[in-house]
């Protein structure tokens, strides 16, 4: 038989493998969107577009993703 958890033991939801699928999908999408623009866009627009306006900083701009339980 395996070990039984005591009544006070709860698993934390901080680890990578403990994320729910929906939250992981949203975090992945936000990570993909948080990129610089490709160099061919600068060439195509004659350098009128040089930065991504929707770039997010991980420390100051937080995502509003709730933990569904």
C-alpha atoms as a PDB file:
ATOM      1  CA  UNK A   1       0.000   0.000   0.000  1.00  0.00           C
ATOM      2  CA  UNK A   2       1.065   3.554  -0.653  1.00  0.00           C
ATOM      3  CA  UNK A   3       1.451   6.281   1.895  1.00  0.00           C
ATOM      4  CA  UNK A   4      -1.655   8.110   2.964  1.00  0.00           C
ATOM      5  CA  UNK A   5      -1.703  11.848   3.321  1.00  0.00           C
ATOM      6  CA  UNK A   6      -2.658  13.251   6.678  1.00  0.00           C
ATOM      7  CA  UNK A   7      -5.711  15.482   7.085  1.00  0.00           C
ATOM      8  CA  UNK A   8      -3.599  18.658   7.203  1.00  0.00           C
ATOM      9  CA  UNK A   9      -1.542  17.954   4.080  1.00  0.00           C
ATOM     10  CA  UNK A  10      -2.500  19.873   0.962  1.00  0.00           C
ATOM     11  CA  UNK A  11      -0.620  20.127  -2.289  1.00  0.00           C
ATOM     12  CA  UNK A  12       0.416  23.592  -3.342  1.00  0.00           C
ATOM     13  CA  UNK A  13      -0.552  24.750  -6.830  1.00  0.00           C
ATOM     14  CA  UNK A  14       2.698  26.614  -7.492  1.00  0.00           C
ATOM     15  CA  UNK A  15       4.663  24.011  -9.437  1.00  0.00           C
ATOM     16  CA  UNK A  16       4.737  23.776 -13.217  1.00  0.00           C
ATOM     17  CA  UNK A  17       3.012  20.412 -13.470  1.00  0.00           C
ATOM     18  CA  UNK A  18       0.228  21.467 -11.082  1.00  0.00           C
ATOM     19  CA  UNK A  19      -1.250  24.095 -13.424  1.00  0.00           C
ATOM     20  CA  UNK A  20      -4.658  23.419 -14.922  1.00  0.00           C
ATOM     21  CA  UNK A  21      -4.841  23.022 -18.693  1.00  0.00           C
ATOM     22  CA  UNK A  22      -6.837  26.219 -19.311  1.00  0.00           C
ATOM     23  CA  UNK A  23      -4.453  28.353 -17.263  1.00  0.00           C
ATOM     24  CA  UNK A  24      -1.414  26.802 -18.934  1.00  0.00           C
ATOM     25  CA  UNK A  25      -2.911  27.515 -22.362  1.00  0.00           C
ATOM     26  CA  UNK A  26      -3.561  31.182 -21.488  1.00  0.00           C
ATOM     27  CA  UNK A  27      -0.053  31.616 -20.095  1.00  0.00           C
ATOM     28  CA  UNK A  28       1.426  30.077 -23.242  1.00  0.00           C
ATOM     29  CA  UNK A  29      -0.570  32.367 -25.500  1.00  0.00           C
ATOM     30  CA  UNK A  30       0.468  35.436 -23.481  1.00  0.00           C
ATOM     31  CA  UNK A  31       4.083  34.288 -23.734  1.00  0.00           C
ATOM     32  CA  UNK A  32       3.870  33.924 -27.523  1.00  0.00           C
ATOM     33  CA  UNK A  33       2.272  37.355 -27.934  1.00  0.00           C
ATOM     34  CA  UNK A  34       4.984  39.031 -25.849  1.00  0.00           C
ATOM     35  CA  UNK A  35       7.606  39.112 -28.605  1.00  0.00           C
ATOM     36  CA  UNK A  36       9.327  41.808 -30.610  1.00  0.00           C
ATOM     37  CA  UNK A  37       8.166  42.365 -34.160  1.00  0.00           C
ATOM     38  CA  UNK A  38       9.990  40.361 -36.848  1.00  0.00           C
ATOM     39  CA  UNK A  39      12.651  42.188 -38.902  1.00  0.00           C
ATOM     40  CA  UNK A  40      10.765  41.655 -42.178  1.00  0.00           C
ATOM     41  CA  UNK A  41       7.921  43.840 -40.839  1.00  0.00           C
ATOM     42  CA  UNK A  42      10.360  46.733 -40.392  1.00  0.00           C
ATOM     43  CA  UNK A  43      11.603  46.253 -43.946  1.00  0.00           C
ATOM     44  CA  UNK A  44       8.094  45.898 -45.368  1.00  0.00           C
ATOM     45  CA  UNK A  45       6.836  49.091 -43.695  1.00  0.00           C
ATOM     46  CA  UNK A  46      10.000  51.124 -44.384  1.00  0.00           C
ATOM     47  CA  UNK A  47      10.695  51.291 -40.614  1.00  0.00           C
ATOM     48  CA  UNK A  48       7.367  52.973 -39.814  1.00  0.00           C
ATOM     49  CA  UNK A  49       6.614  50.068 -37.495  1.00  0.00           C
ATOM     50  CA  UNK A  50       9.567  49.407 -35.204  1.00  0.00           C
ATOM     51  CA  UNK A  51       8.112  48.294 -31.862  1.00  0.00           C
ATOM     52  CA  UNK A  52       5.326  46.084 -30.570  1.00  0.00           C
ATOM     53  CA  UNK A  53       2.815  48.393 -28.871  1.00  0.00           C
ATOM     54  CA  UNK A  54       1.317  45.566 -26.836  1.00  0.00           C
ATOM     55  CA  UNK A  55       4.566  44.337 -25.297  1.00  0.00           C
ATOM     56  CA  UNK A  56       4.080  43.390 -21.648  1.00  0.00           C
ATOM     57  CA  UNK A  57       6.668  43.528 -18.874  1.00  0.00           C
ATOM     58  CA  UNK A  58       6.509  40.558 -16.504  1.00  0.00           C
ATOM     59  CA  UNK A  59       7.233  42.623 -13.415  1.00  0.00           C
ATOM     60  CA  UNK A  60       4.936  45.618 -13.837  1.00  0.00           C
ATOM     61  CA  UNK A  61       2.078  44.461 -16.077  1.00  0.00           C
ATOM     62  CA  UNK A  62       0.383  41.444 -14.558  1.00  0.00           C
ATOM     63  CA  UNK A  63      -2.015  39.127 -16.370  1.00  0.00           C
ATOM     64  CA  UNK A  64      -5.517  38.706 -14.940  1.00  0.00           C
ATOM     65  CA  UNK A  65      -5.585  34.917 -15.026  1.00  0.00           C
ATOM     66  CA  UNK A  66      -7.398  33.295 -12.116  1.00  0.00           C
ATOM     67  CA  UNK A  67      -6.744  29.817 -10.780  1.00  0.00           C
ATOM     68  CA  UNK A  68      -9.816  27.739 -11.561  1.00  0.00           C
ATOM     69  CA  UNK A  69     -10.400  25.144  -8.878  1.00  0.00           C
END
